[in-house]
C-alpha atoms as a PDB file:
ATOM      1  CA  PRO A   1       0.000   0.000   0.000  1.00  0.00           C
ATOM      2  CA  ASP A   2       2.828   2.452   0.675  1.00  0.00           C
ATOM      3  CA  GLN A   3       4.873   1.481  -2.407  1.00  0.00           C
ATOM      4  CA  ILE A   4       7.795   0.372  -0.239  1.00  0.00           C
ATOM      5  CA  ILE A   5       8.642  -2.580  -2.485  1.00  0.00           C
ATOM      6  CA  GLN A   6       8.921  -0.349  -5.527  1.00  0.00           C
ATOM      7  CA  ARG A   7      10.513   2.585  -3.708  1.00  0.00           C
ATOM      8  CA  GLU A   8      13.212   0.455  -2.093  1.00  0.00           C
ATOM      9  CA  ARG A   9      13.465  -1.893  -5.106  1.00  0.00           C
ATOM     10  CA  LEU A  10      12.848  -4.933  -2.886  1.00  0.00           C
ATOM     11  CA  GLY A  11      11.032  -6.971  -5.505  1.00  0.00           C
ATOM     12  CA  LEU A  12       8.493  -6.833  -8.270  1.00  0.00           C
ATOM     13  CA  CYS A  13       4.832  -5.853  -7.898  1.00  0.00           C
ATOM     14  CA  SER A  14       3.052  -7.522 -10.748  1.00  0.00           C
ATOM     15  CA  GLY A  15      -0.485  -6.173 -10.509  1.00  0.00           C
ATOM     16  CA  THR A  16      -2.000  -8.817 -12.776  1.00  0.00           C
ATOM     17  CA  PHE A  17      -1.684 -12.562 -13.031  1.00  0.00           C
ATOM     18  CA  GLU A  18      -0.220 -12.240 -16.516  1.00  0.00           C
ATOM     19  CA  GLN A  19       2.438  -9.800 -15.313  1.00  0.00           C
ATOM     20  CA  PHE A  20       3.114 -12.070 -12.335  1.00  0.00           C
ATOM     21  CA  GLN A  21       3.878 -14.911 -14.756  1.00  0.00           C
ATOM     22  CA  ARG A  22       6.270 -12.679 -16.721  1.00  0.00           C
ATOM     23  CA  ASP A  23       7.938 -11.455 -13.503  1.00  0.00           C
ATOM     24  CA  VAL A  24       8.456 -14.994 -12.215  1.00  0.00           C
ATOM     25  CA  ARG A  25      10.008 -16.009 -15.524  1.00  0.00           C
ATOM     26  CA  LEU A  26      12.243 -12.910 -15.426  1.00  0.00           C
ATOM     27  CA  LEU A  27      13.486 -13.782 -11.954  1.00  0.00           C
ATOM     28  CA  LEU A  28      13.998 -17.436 -12.827  1.00  0.00           C
ATOM     29  CA  ASP A  29      16.011 -16.492 -15.899  1.00  0.00           C
ATOM     30  CA  ASN A  30      18.039 -13.650 -14.378  1.00  0.00           C
ATOM     31  CA  ASP A  31      20.356 -14.737 -11.575  1.00  0.00           C
ATOM     32  CA  ALA A  32      21.938 -11.283 -11.278  1.00  0.00           C
ATOM     33  CA  LEU A  33      18.613  -9.471 -10.871  1.00  0.00           C
ATOM     34  CA  ARG A  34      17.400 -12.064  -8.382  1.00  0.00           C
ATOM     35  CA  GLY A  35      20.622 -11.659  -6.398  1.00  0.00           C
ATOM     36  CA  GLU A  36      20.412  -7.852  -6.410  1.00  0.00           C
ATOM     37  CA  ILE A  37      16.818  -7.885  -5.202  1.00  0.00           C
ATOM     38  CA  GLY A  38      17.650 -10.448  -2.536  1.00  0.00           C
ATOM     39  CA  GLN A  39      20.629  -8.429  -1.298  1.00  0.00           C
ATOM     40  CA  ARG A  40      18.608  -5.203  -1.119  1.00  0.00           C
ATOM     41  CA  ALA A  41      15.809  -6.992   0.731  1.00  0.00           C
ATOM     42  CA  LYS A  42      18.289  -8.453   3.219  1.00  0.00           C
ATOM     43  CA  GLN A  43      19.924  -5.075   3.835  1.00  0.00           C
ATOM     44  CA  PHE A  44      16.525  -3.418   4.215  1.00  0.00           C
ATOM     45  CA  ALA A  45      15.372  -6.011   6.752  1.00  0.00           C
ATOM     46  CA  GLU A  46      18.608  -5.868   8.743  1.00  0.00           C
ATOM     47  CA  ALA A  47      18.558  -2.063   8.853  1.00  0.00           C
ATOM     48  CA  ARG A  48      14.973  -1.866  10.075  1.00  0.00           C
ATOM     49  CA  PHE A  49      14.209  -5.071  11.938  1.00  0.00           C
ATOM     50  CA  SER A  50      17.457  -6.322  13.466  1.00  0.00           C
ATOM     51  CA  LEU A  51      17.966  -6.426  17.203  1.00  0.00           C
ATOM     52  CA  GLU A  52      20.376  -3.494  16.930  1.00  0.00           C
ATOM     53  CA  ALA A  53      17.895  -1.374  14.977  1.00  0.00           C
ATOM     54  CA  ASN A  54      15.133  -2.119  17.451  1.00  0.00           C
ATOM     55  CA  MET A  55      17.374  -1.374  20.416  1.00  0.00           C
ATOM     56  CA  ARG A  56      18.288   2.024  18.913  1.00  0.00           C
ATOM     57  CA  GLN A  57      14.603   2.846  18.499  1.00  0.00           C
ATOM     58  CA  LEU A  58      13.815   1.695  22.032  1.00  0.00           C
ATOM     59  CA  GLU A  59      16.711   3.720  23.437  1.00  0.00           C
ATOM     60  CA  ALA A  60      15.554   6.827  21.574  1.00  0.00           C
ATOM     61  CA  PHE A  61      12.031   6.297  22.896  1.00  0.00           C
ATOM     62  CA  PHE A  62      13.211   6.043  26.510  1.00  0.00           C
ATOM     63  CA  ILE A  63      15.404   9.125  26.126  1.00  0.00           C
ATOM     64  CA  ARG A  64      12.397  11.120  24.856  1.00  0.00           C
ATOM     65  CA  VAL A  65      10.217   9.846  27.711  1.00  0.00           C
ATOM     66  CA  CYS A  66      12.832  10.666  30.327  1.00  0.00           C
ATOM     67  CA  GLN A  67      13.348  14.168  28.953  1.00  0.00           C
ATOM     68  CA  ARG A  68       9.633  14.920  29.408  1.00  0.00           C
ATOM     69  CA  THR A  69       9.698  14.244  33.131  1.00  0.00           C
END
């Protein structure tokens, strides 16, 4: 809904079943593209959902809460 897959180039959004079939074939036939998408998706997930990323967000939250008191 927020276009994150397209914006971050994390994969293909087919839209129709026919386009989905073409996209699957493209990925099956193109090792380099599949690898690039996979690497970007891994980096995206690690940057936003890793323990370290979550701890930074939690730390920032507690700092903001403590500054209000």
